[in-house]
Protein backbone atom coordinates (compact mmCIF):
# COMPACT_ATOMS: atom_id res chain seq x y z
CA MET A 1 191.33 -43.68 102.55
CA GLU A 2 193.45 -44.22 99.41
CA TRP A 3 194.98 -47.59 100.26
CA VAL A 4 195.74 -50.00 103.10
CA ILE A 5 198.88 -52.05 103.80
CA GLU A 6 198.06 -55.21 105.71
CA ASP A 7 198.77 -58.93 106.23
CA GLY A 8 201.97 -58.22 108.12
CA PHE A 9 203.48 -56.71 111.25
CA PHE A 10 204.59 -53.06 111.61
CA LEU A 11 207.27 -52.02 114.13
CA VAL A 12 205.97 -49.12 116.22
CA GLY A 13 208.23 -49.52 119.27
CA ASP A 14 210.84 -51.83 120.74
CA GLY A 15 209.13 -55.21 120.39
CA GLN A 16 205.77 -53.57 119.63
CA TRP A 17 204.01 -54.46 116.37
CA ALA A 18 200.85 -53.07 114.76
CA ARG A 19 198.82 -54.95 112.15
CA GLN A 20 197.65 -52.40 109.57
CA VAL A 21 198.79 -49.10 108.06
CA GLU A 22 196.48 -46.71 106.22
CA VAL A 23 198.02 -44.43 103.58
CA GLU A 24 196.75 -41.14 102.21
CA GLY A 25 197.15 -39.94 98.64
CA ALA A 26 200.42 -38.09 99.28
CA GLY A 27 202.08 -41.37 100.34
CA ARG A 28 202.05 -40.51 104.03
CA ILE A 29 200.69 -42.63 106.87
CA ALA A 30 197.20 -41.61 107.90
CA ALA A 31 196.62 -44.18 110.65
CA VAL A 32 198.19 -47.23 112.29
CA ARG A 33 195.97 -49.92 113.79
CA ASP A 34 196.48 -52.87 116.10
CA VAL A 35 193.78 -54.84 114.30
CA SER A 36 192.88 -55.04 110.63
CA ALA A 37 189.95 -52.83 109.68
CA PRO A 38 187.94 -53.13 106.47
CA TYR A 39 187.90 -50.23 104.01
CA PRO A 40 185.50 -51.00 101.16
CA GLY A 41 186.83 -49.63 97.90
CA ALA A 42 190.35 -48.93 99.18
CA GLU A 43 193.29 -50.47 97.39
CA ARG A 44 194.86 -53.19 99.53
CA ILE A 45 198.55 -54.12 99.62
CA SER A 46 199.59 -57.36 101.31
CA LEU A 47 202.94 -57.81 103.06
CA ARG A 48 202.43 -61.61 102.90
CA GLY A 49 203.23 -62.10 106.55
CA GLY A 50 206.35 -59.94 106.52
CA PHE A 51 207.72 -57.76 109.32
CA ALA A 52 207.93 -54.08 108.36
CA VAL A 53 210.24 -51.62 110.12
CA PRO A 54 210.66 -47.88 109.54
CA GLY A 55 212.39 -47.66 106.18
CA LEU A 56 216.15 -48.20 106.34
CA TRP A 57 218.31 -45.39 104.96
CA ASP A 58 221.98 -45.76 104.01
CA SER A 59 223.58 -42.47 105.08
CA HIS A 60 226.83 -42.91 103.17
CA VAL A 61 227.14 -44.42 99.70
CA HIS A 62 229.02 -43.52 96.53
CA LEU A 63 226.57 -43.98 93.68
CA ASP A 64 229.10 -43.05 91.00
CA HIS A 65 231.52 -45.72 92.21
CA LEU A 66 228.72 -48.28 92.45
CA ALA A 67 227.65 -47.42 88.92
CA GLU A 68 231.11 -47.91 87.43
CA GLU A 69 232.01 -51.13 89.24
CA HIS A 70 231.23 -53.29 86.20
CA GLU A 71 234.08 -51.56 84.33
CA LEU A 72 236.69 -52.17 87.03
CA TRP A 73 239.09 -54.89 88.10
CA LEU A 74 237.97 -55.66 91.65
CA VAL A 75 239.68 -57.70 94.35
CA LYS A 76 238.51 -58.77 97.79
CA PRO A 77 240.13 -56.74 100.59
CA GLU A 78 241.45 -59.90 102.27
CA ALA A 79 243.27 -61.01 99.10
CA SER A 80 247.00 -61.60 99.53
CA LEU A 81 249.56 -59.87 97.33
CA SER A 82 250.09 -63.05 95.30
CA GLU A 83 246.32 -63.39 94.85
CA VAL A 84 246.12 -59.78 93.70
CA GLN A 85 248.86 -60.44 91.13
CA ALA A 86 247.12 -63.58 89.88
CA SER A 87 243.84 -61.67 89.62
CA LEU A 88 245.47 -58.86 87.63
CA ARG A 89 247.10 -61.32 85.24
CA GLN A 90 243.74 -63.00 84.67
CA PHE A 91 241.86 -59.71 84.23
CA ALA A 92 244.45 -58.38 81.76
CA ALA A 93 244.21 -61.57 79.68
CA ALA A 94 240.40 -61.41 79.67
CA HIS A 95 240.32 -57.72 78.62
CA PRO A 96 243.04 -57.32 75.99
CA ASP A 97 241.41 -54.24 74.41
CA LEU A 98 241.34 -52.05 77.51
CA PRO A 99 243.98 -49.31 77.13
CA TRP A 100 244.04 -48.85 80.92
CA ILE A 101 243.29 -51.29 83.73
CA ARG A 102 241.47 -49.56 86.57
CA GLY A 103 240.76 -51.37 89.80
CA SER A 104 240.16 -51.14 93.52
CA GLY A 105 240.00 -53.23 96.68
CA TRP A 106 243.53 -53.96 97.91
CA ASN A 107 244.19 -53.81 101.65
CA GLN A 108 247.77 -53.70 102.90
CA ASN A 109 246.67 -54.77 106.39
CA TYR A 110 246.59 -58.37 105.17
CA TRP A 111 250.13 -58.27 103.75
CA GLN A 112 253.68 -58.37 105.03
CA GLU A 113 254.99 -56.59 101.89
CA ILE A 114 254.67 -52.90 101.08
CA PRO A 115 253.06 -52.33 97.65
CA HIS A 116 255.45 -51.26 94.89
CA ARG A 117 254.95 -50.50 91.19
CA ARG A 118 257.23 -53.42 90.25
CA GLN A 119 254.71 -55.90 91.70
CA LEU A 120 252.12 -54.63 89.22
CA ASP A 121 254.64 -54.38 86.38
CA ALA A 122 255.37 -58.11 86.65
CA VAL A 123 251.82 -59.13 85.69
CA SER A 124 250.27 -56.21 83.76
CA GLY A 125 251.80 -56.88 80.33
CA GLY A 126 253.02 -53.30 79.95
CA ARG A 127 249.60 -51.65 80.11
CA PRO A 128 248.96 -48.80 82.58
CA VAL A 129 247.37 -49.94 85.84
CA ALA A 130 245.65 -47.62 88.34
CA PHE A 131 244.66 -49.51 91.48
CA TRP A 132 242.84 -47.80 94.37
CA ALA A 133 243.11 -49.12 97.92
CA ARG A 134 239.96 -50.45 99.58
CA ASP A 135 239.50 -47.10 101.35
CA HIS A 136 240.02 -45.05 98.15
CA HIS A 137 242.62 -42.89 99.86
CA THR A 138 245.76 -44.40 98.32
CA LEU A 139 246.42 -44.98 94.61
CA TRP A 140 248.85 -47.67 93.44
CA LEU A 141 250.25 -47.20 89.92
CA ASN A 142 252.52 -49.36 87.83
CA THR A 143 255.45 -47.89 85.90
CA ALA A 144 253.49 -47.57 82.65
CA ALA A 145 250.76 -45.59 84.40
CA MET A 146 253.30 -43.32 86.07
CA HIS A 147 254.89 -42.54 82.68
CA ALA A 148 251.48 -41.94 81.09
CA LEU A 149 250.51 -39.53 83.88
CA GLY A 150 253.86 -37.75 83.92
CA VAL A 151 254.68 -38.65 87.53
CA SER A 152 257.55 -41.09 87.04
CA ASP A 153 259.87 -38.63 88.83
CA PHE A 154 257.31 -37.06 91.17
CA ARG A 155 259.02 -35.22 94.07
CA GLY A 156 256.13 -33.64 95.96
CA SER A 157 254.55 -34.73 99.22
CA GLY A 158 252.02 -37.51 99.34
CA ALA A 159 254.07 -40.00 97.31
CA ASP A 160 256.21 -42.88 98.62
CA ARG A 161 259.79 -42.94 97.34
CA ASP A 162 262.81 -45.22 97.51
CA GLU A 163 266.30 -45.06 96.03
CA ASP A 164 264.83 -45.48 92.53
CA GLY A 165 262.25 -42.70 92.85
CA PRO A 166 258.46 -42.93 93.37
CA THR A 167 257.36 -46.42 94.35
CA GLY A 168 253.93 -46.06 92.75
CA LEU A 169 251.97 -45.26 95.93
CA PHE A 170 250.24 -41.86 95.98
CA ARG A 171 248.21 -40.75 98.96
CA GLU A 172 245.28 -38.45 99.75
CA GLU A 173 245.17 -35.13 97.83
CA THR A 174 248.21 -36.11 95.79
CA ALA A 175 246.44 -39.28 94.71
CA GLU A 176 243.37 -37.28 93.71
CA LYS A 177 245.40 -34.84 91.63
CA VAL A 178 247.37 -37.61 89.94
CA SER A 179 244.20 -39.57 89.19
CA ARG A 180 242.64 -36.75 87.16
CA GLY A 181 244.66 -37.82 84.16
CA ILE A 182 243.37 -41.41 84.19
CA PRO A 183 240.92 -41.83 81.30
CA SER A 184 237.45 -42.78 82.48
CA ARG A 185 233.84 -42.14 81.56
CA PRO A 186 231.46 -40.50 84.02
CA PRO A 187 228.56 -42.77 84.98
CA ASP A 188 225.35 -42.50 82.98
CA ALA A 189 221.71 -42.51 84.09
CA ARG A 190 221.27 -46.18 83.16
CA ALA A 191 224.13 -47.21 85.46
CA MET A 192 222.76 -45.01 88.25
CA ARG A 193 219.34 -46.61 87.87
CA ALA A 194 220.91 -50.07 88.15
CA ALA A 195 222.73 -48.96 91.31
CA ALA A 196 219.41 -47.71 92.73
CA ALA A 197 217.77 -51.08 92.06
CA GLU A 198 220.63 -52.86 93.81
CA LEU A 199 220.29 -50.62 96.88
CA ALA A 200 216.53 -51.17 96.99
CA SER A 201 217.12 -54.93 96.94
CA ASP A 202 219.29 -54.48 100.04
CA GLY A 203 216.26 -53.04 101.82
CA PHE A 204 216.83 -49.29 101.52
CA VAL A 205 214.09 -46.77 100.94
CA GLY A 206 216.62 -43.99 100.47
CA VAL A 207 220.32 -43.18 100.52
CA THR A 208 222.61 -40.24 101.09
CA ALA A 209 225.31 -40.20 98.43
CA MET A 210 228.72 -38.56 98.43
CA GLU A 211 229.04 -37.58 94.78
CA ARG A 212 231.52 -35.83 92.54
CA ILE A 213 230.22 -32.99 90.38
CA THR A 214 230.96 -35.22 87.38
CA SER A 215 227.88 -37.26 88.42
CA LEU A 216 225.57 -34.30 87.89
CA GLU A 217 224.38 -35.22 84.40
CA ALA A 218 223.76 -38.84 85.36
CA LEU A 219 221.60 -37.68 88.29
CA SER A 220 219.71 -35.02 86.34
CA ASP A 221 216.50 -37.04 85.96
CA TRP A 222 216.43 -38.77 89.35
CA GLY A 223 212.85 -38.88 90.53
CA GLU A 224 209.99 -41.06 91.73
CA ASP A 225 210.42 -43.66 88.98
CA TYR A 226 213.75 -44.66 90.51
CA GLY A 227 211.86 -45.98 93.56
CA LEU A 228 214.62 -44.80 95.91
CA ARG A 229 214.86 -41.46 97.67
CA LEU A 230 218.21 -39.69 97.19
CA GLN A 231 220.06 -36.99 99.07
CA VAL A 232 223.49 -35.73 98.01
CA PHE A 233 226.56 -34.19 99.57
CA TRP A 234 228.66 -32.92 96.65
CA ILE A 235 232.39 -33.55 96.99
CA ASP A 236 234.90 -30.77 96.69
CA ALA A 237 237.15 -32.58 94.20
CA ASP A 238 238.84 -32.38 90.81
CA GLY A 239 239.87 -28.83 91.63
CA ARG A 240 236.23 -27.71 91.81
CA GLN A 241 234.10 -26.48 94.70
CA ALA A 242 230.36 -27.08 94.68
CA ASP A 243 227.99 -24.13 95.08
CA PRO A 244 224.22 -23.74 94.64
CA GLY A 245 224.60 -22.62 91.04
CA SER A 246 226.52 -25.76 90.05
CA VAL A 247 223.99 -28.44 91.10
CA ARG A 248 220.48 -29.47 90.06
CA ASP A 249 217.29 -28.32 91.72
CA ASP A 250 215.67 -30.40 94.42
CA TYR A 251 212.74 -32.69 93.57
CA PRO A 252 210.70 -32.72 96.81
CA GLY A 253 210.67 -36.12 98.41
CA TRP A 254 212.94 -37.79 95.85
CA PHE A 255 216.07 -35.70 95.27
CA ARG A 256 217.68 -33.22 97.64
CA THR A 257 221.05 -31.53 98.00
CA LEU A 258 222.15 -31.45 101.64
CA GLY A 259 225.51 -29.75 101.21
CA VAL A 260 229.18 -30.55 100.61
CA LYS A 261 231.50 -33.40 101.56
CA LEU A 262 234.92 -32.33 102.86
CA PHE A 263 238.00 -34.29 103.96
CA SER A 264 239.88 -33.64 107.19
CA ASP A 265 242.23 -36.63 106.98
CA GLY A 266 242.82 -40.01 105.38
CA ALA A 267 242.13 -43.62 106.35
CA LEU A 268 243.22 -46.03 109.04
CA GLY A 269 244.21 -48.92 106.78
CA THR A 270 246.89 -46.96 104.95
CA ARG A 271 247.85 -44.99 108.11
CA THR A 272 246.81 -41.62 106.66
CA ALA A 273 244.14 -41.01 109.33
CA TRP A 274 245.31 -38.00 111.37
CA MET A 275 246.20 -39.06 114.92
CA ARG A 276 247.29 -37.15 118.03
CA HIS A 277 250.19 -39.57 118.51
CA ASP A 278 252.35 -41.66 116.20
CA TYR A 279 251.02 -45.01 115.07
CA ASP A 280 252.48 -47.91 117.03
CA ASP A 281 253.61 -49.84 113.95
CA GLN A 282 255.14 -47.05 111.84
CA PRO A 283 256.35 -43.47 112.31
CA GLY A 284 254.01 -40.59 111.66
CA GLN A 285 250.61 -39.32 112.72
CA GLY A 286 248.85 -39.55 109.35
CA ILE A 287 247.98 -36.78 106.92
CA PRO A 288 245.85 -33.80 107.98
CA ARG A 289 243.89 -32.26 105.14
CA LEU A 290 241.32 -29.46 105.50
CA HIS A 291 241.47 -28.32 109.12
CA GLY A 292 241.86 -25.34 111.43
CA ASP A 293 241.06 -21.87 110.06
CA GLU A 294 240.70 -23.11 106.47
CA LEU A 295 238.02 -25.58 107.52
CA ARG A 296 236.16 -22.92 109.46
CA ASP A 297 236.25 -20.53 106.50
CA ARG A 298 234.72 -23.19 104.24
CA LEU A 299 232.04 -23.94 106.85
CA ARG A 300 231.08 -20.27 106.96
CA GLN A 301 230.78 -20.25 103.19
CA LEU A 302 228.51 -23.31 103.28
CA ALA A 303 226.40 -21.76 106.04
CA GLY A 304 225.88 -18.79 103.74
CA TYR A 305 224.52 -21.18 101.10
CA ARG A 306 222.25 -22.75 103.76
CA TRP A 307 224.08 -26.03 103.21
CA ALA A 308 225.32 -28.56 105.73
CA ALA A 309 228.81 -30.09 105.76
CA ALA A 310 229.69 -33.78 105.85
CA ILE A 311 233.31 -33.92 106.97
CA HIS A 312 235.36 -37.09 106.63
CA ALA A 313 237.31 -37.53 109.88
CA ILE A 314 238.72 -40.87 111.05
CA GLY A 315 241.74 -40.24 113.30
CA ASP A 316 241.30 -38.84 116.80
CA ALA A 317 243.08 -35.58 115.92
CA ALA A 318 240.85 -35.08 112.88
CA VAL A 319 237.65 -35.93 114.78
CA GLY A 320 238.54 -33.48 117.58
CA ASP A 321 239.37 -30.66 115.16
CA VAL A 322 236.21 -31.20 113.09
CA TRP A 323 234.03 -31.50 116.19
CA ARG A 324 235.25 -28.15 117.51
CA ALA A 325 234.88 -26.49 114.11
CA LEU A 326 231.28 -27.66 113.72
CA LEU A 327 230.40 -26.35 117.18
CA GLU A 328 231.93 -22.97 116.28
CA VAL A 329 230.24 -22.73 112.87
CA PRO A 330 226.77 -24.35 113.06
CA SER A 331 225.08 -25.66 109.94
CA GLY A 332 223.14 -23.07 108.00
CA GLY A 333 221.22 -25.74 106.14
CA SER A 334 218.11 -27.80 106.53
CA ALA A 335 220.19 -30.79 107.70
CA LEU A 336 222.65 -31.24 110.57
CA SER A 337 226.31 -30.97 109.72
CA ARG A 338 228.00 -34.27 110.40
CA ILE A 339 231.26 -36.03 111.09
CA GLU A 340 231.64 -38.83 108.56
CA HIS A 341 233.12 -42.06 110.00
CA ALA A 342 234.31 -40.77 113.44
CA GLN A 343 236.17 -44.08 113.84
CA LEU A 344 238.68 -42.98 116.49
CA VAL A 345 237.75 -40.61 119.30
CA ASP A 346 239.83 -39.22 122.16
CA PRO A 347 238.05 -39.86 125.49
CA HIS A 348 238.91 -36.28 126.54
CA ASP A 349 236.83 -34.91 123.65
CA LEU A 350 233.89 -37.06 124.73
CA SER A 351 234.13 -35.71 128.27
CA THR A 352 234.44 -32.04 127.31
CA LEU A 353 232.47 -31.50 124.09
CA SER A 354 228.78 -31.77 123.25
CA GLY A 355 227.42 -33.40 120.12
CA THR A 356 224.06 -31.64 120.39
CA GLY A 357 223.05 -30.24 117.02
CA LEU A 358 225.48 -32.50 115.14
CA ALA A 359 225.32 -35.90 113.48
CA ALA A 360 227.79 -38.77 113.48
CA SER A 361 227.51 -40.77 110.26
CA MET A 362 229.11 -44.14 110.98
CA GLN A 363 229.64 -47.42 109.11
CA PRO A 364 229.65 -50.46 111.44
CA PHE A 365 230.84 -52.94 108.81
CA HIS A 366 234.14 -51.09 108.51
CA LEU A 367 235.06 -52.37 111.97
CA PRO A 368 235.74 -56.05 111.10
CA GLY A 369 238.04 -55.07 108.22
CA ASP A 370 239.89 -52.53 110.37
CA VAL A 371 240.58 -54.81 113.34
CA PRO A 372 244.11 -55.69 112.07
CA ALA A 373 244.93 -52.00 111.59
CA LEU A 374 243.48 -51.10 114.99
CA SER A 375 245.41 -53.85 116.76
CA ARG A 376 248.74 -53.01 115.16
CA GLY A 377 248.39 -49.26 114.78
CA LEU A 378 246.85 -48.26 118.11
CA GLY A 379 248.09 -50.92 120.51
CA ASP A 380 246.60 -50.44 123.96
CA ARG A 381 246.16 -46.65 123.91
CA PRO A 382 242.83 -45.41 125.37
CA THR A 383 241.52 -44.04 122.06
CA LEU A 384 237.93 -45.20 121.53
CA ALA A 385 237.27 -47.07 118.28
CA PHE A 386 233.90 -46.88 116.48
CA PRO A 387 232.19 -45.49 119.62
CA TRP A 388 228.65 -45.05 118.27
CA SER A 389 227.06 -45.62 121.69
CA ALA A 390 229.31 -43.05 123.35
CA LEU A 391 228.66 -40.49 120.61
CA GLU A 392 224.93 -41.06 120.92
CA ARG A 393 225.18 -40.37 124.67
CA ALA A 394 227.16 -37.20 123.88
CA GLY A 395 224.14 -35.89 121.95
CA PHE A 396 224.98 -36.78 118.36
CA ALA A 397 222.31 -37.99 115.99
CA VAL A 398 224.00 -41.29 115.13
CA THR A 399 223.13 -42.55 111.68
CA PHE A 400 224.44 -45.71 110.04
CA GLY A 401 225.55 -46.36 106.47
CA SER A 402 227.86 -48.55 104.46
CA ASP A 403 230.33 -46.49 102.39
CA ALA A 404 229.41 -48.77 99.47
CA PRO A 405 231.07 -49.97 97.33
CA ILE A 406 234.08 -49.84 99.69
CA VAL A 407 232.13 -52.40 101.70
CA PRO A 408 228.83 -54.02 100.65
CA ALA A 409 225.71 -51.90 101.16
CA ASP A 410 223.77 -54.84 102.71
CA PRO A 411 222.69 -53.52 106.13
CA VAL A 412 222.33 -56.90 107.83
CA PRO A 413 226.07 -57.61 108.40
CA ALA A 414 226.43 -54.04 109.68
CA LEU A 415 223.54 -54.53 112.07
CA GLU A 416 225.17 -57.72 113.32
CA VAL A 417 228.40 -55.84 114.07
CA ALA A 418 226.49 -53.04 115.82
CA VAL A 419 224.71 -55.59 118.02
CA ARG A 420 227.27 -58.36 118.54
CA GLY A 421 230.65 -56.70 117.85
CA ALA A 422 233.64 -57.81 115.79
CA GLY A 423 236.02 -59.30 118.33
CA TYR A 424 237.78 -56.04 119.18
CA ARG A 425 238.11 -54.37 122.56
CA GLY A 426 235.15 -52.19 123.45
CA ASP A 427 232.57 -54.47 121.82
CA ALA A 428 230.55 -54.68 125.05
CA GLU A 429 230.56 -50.90 125.49
CA ARG A 430 229.69 -50.04 121.89
CA GLY A 431 227.07 -52.78 121.43
CA LEU A 432 223.51 -51.71 120.68
CA SER A 433 220.23 -53.51 121.16
CA PRO A 434 218.71 -54.74 117.88
CA TYR A 435 216.07 -52.02 118.12
CA ARG A 436 218.59 -49.19 118.62
CA ALA A 437 220.71 -50.53 115.76
CA LEU A 438 217.71 -50.53 113.41
CA MET A 439 216.81 -47.03 114.54
CA ALA A 440 220.31 -45.80 113.63
CA TYR A 441 219.49 -46.90 110.07
CA SER A 442 216.11 -45.13 110.08
CA ARG A 443 215.19 -42.69 112.85
CA GLY A 444 218.78 -41.54 113.34
CA ALA A 445 219.09 -40.79 109.63
CA ALA A 446 215.84 -38.81 109.60
CA ARG A 447 216.94 -36.82 112.64
CA ALA A 448 220.31 -36.03 111.05
CA ASP A 449 218.60 -34.94 107.83
CA ARG A 450 215.87 -32.96 109.61
CA ARG A 451 213.17 -34.71 107.59
CA PRO A 452 210.10 -36.80 108.46
CA GLY A 453 210.79 -40.52 108.71
CA GLY A 454 211.99 -43.22 111.04
CA PHE A 455 208.53 -43.82 112.51
CA VAL A 456 205.56 -45.96 111.54
CA ALA A 457 203.20 -43.22 112.67
CA PRO A 458 200.66 -40.78 111.23
CA GLY A 459 202.19 -37.90 109.30
CA HIS A 460 205.36 -39.77 108.39
CA PRO A 461 206.15 -41.11 104.91
CA ALA A 462 204.85 -44.63 104.32
CA ASP A 463 208.42 -45.89 103.85
CA LEU A 464 209.01 -49.45 105.11
CA THR A 465 211.64 -52.15 104.92
CA VAL A 466 210.05 -55.60 105.06
CA PHE A 467 211.80 -58.69 106.51
CA ARG A 468 210.69 -62.33 106.31
CA GLU A 469 210.91 -62.72 110.09
CA ASP A 470 211.07 -60.51 113.14
CA PRO A 471 214.49 -58.82 112.64
CA LEU A 472 214.78 -57.91 116.33
CA ALA A 473 214.51 -61.53 117.42
CA ALA A 474 216.76 -62.74 114.61
CA LEU A 475 219.55 -60.28 115.45
CA GLN A 476 219.25 -61.03 119.16
CA GLU A 477 219.53 -64.76 118.53
CA GLY A 478 222.37 -64.53 116.00
CA ARG A 479 220.36 -65.21 112.83
CA ARG A 480 220.50 -63.07 109.70
CA PRO A 481 217.09 -61.60 108.87
CA VAL A 482 216.32 -61.60 105.14
CA VAL A 483 214.93 -58.55 103.34
CA MET A 484 211.66 -59.27 101.56
CA GLY A 485 210.89 -55.90 100.04
CA THR A 486 210.66 -52.14 100.33
CA VAL A 487 207.68 -49.82 100.39
CA VAL A 488 208.37 -46.17 99.50
CA GLY A 489 205.60 -43.61 99.59
CA GLY A 490 203.13 -46.39 100.30
CA ARG A 491 203.99 -48.31 97.12
CA ILE A 492 205.98 -51.52 96.79
CA ARG A 493 209.24 -50.60 95.03
CA TYR A 494 211.08 -53.89 95.49
CA TRP A 495 209.83 -57.38 96.32
CA SER A 496 211.28 -60.88 96.32
CA ASP A 497 209.53 -64.10 97.27
CA ASP A 498 212.76 -66.13 97.05
């Protein structure tokens, strides 16, 4: 036996805890014991009384955005328009040498006003401002930025207009195309390493990242020394499509390409999610993006690469279209193809379609921030919101994530929402037990990725997330369990005694 992990409790079933884990040289679990057993000569690792669960995995992060956050003007999503303006004025004064001000975080759901370039003009001092919405699906520009990007008289679709021309709001694919001219530096390896350390401190043993091809160089040396396992879905963006020849080779156990991230629609907050009926609070059914025959053609291409697809779909029309497409064109890869977000689902789809062989990658902590949009935009229609329990019953491998940095990566608030709800109709139906919620962050992720993991059992990687107290009891009783450390491949990768 190479080494032993002891002096703690190891979750092996709902409410069932073992006392010792034995690890072989490859970093896999060799044995799990109910009592501590001596192994003379073996290295011993103490969990200092902590409670270890199968390692948590965030199934949806954006490493490149996390890595560049220190360069951005950031606002809290609940900030009012006047608070946003005050924050911009302060940021501009504190950074007089920045030629452009780039930011993110605004959320129109908390405002009465509709964003307009003039509101940024009033406090930006004449410098170009590019300000992404919290969901990163709508870009808000001031007049200087519009002139610099050559879109001050833009007449295509995807841009809001009034009697004076474009208002400064650009949505979905139009926003992406417009944003290509904004000067920015791709993240470097140092910034990616810092992002990895931050995610490990949140309790993650690994993450699945949705990355632009521009991140490729920064991820070129990702390996064991990062202490965090990484899988990637490459985003079709910037006018480029990912293919096997354009990405780095896998590093077994530490870096793996799963496939490609695609977009079927927009977001709920800015009413670009593609719905089957008009929103209750404004005309329109959102903005469909890749769908129908074009989506199926791209899926066939990915299947030929032996890659899976992760398809962003939020509105009920988008979710239904993607669901049918994935059933028609199964994944050719080593992972399940998945619907990303699946926030709004038509009950008819749940009653007629099977999720077997598919994954639903969902982000519970989006629900509290979307309650205002759900209440105003959907009214009392029967559409199911954030129905992770129902999708699990339909056969999906349900896996949880954060969408960081759009919301914090910290899994504990998300677990609380999954267990206790967010004060929106359907909480009782969607609620999970603490054990099932934890498993969506570990076993569900492993099942979706078709990889070992999610069990404290022989043959599985010795990947553990360690809490100071029993997280099942804490979540059940309304307390927030605190992450103590992570063990990846049988080695402590993060630890805090604070």
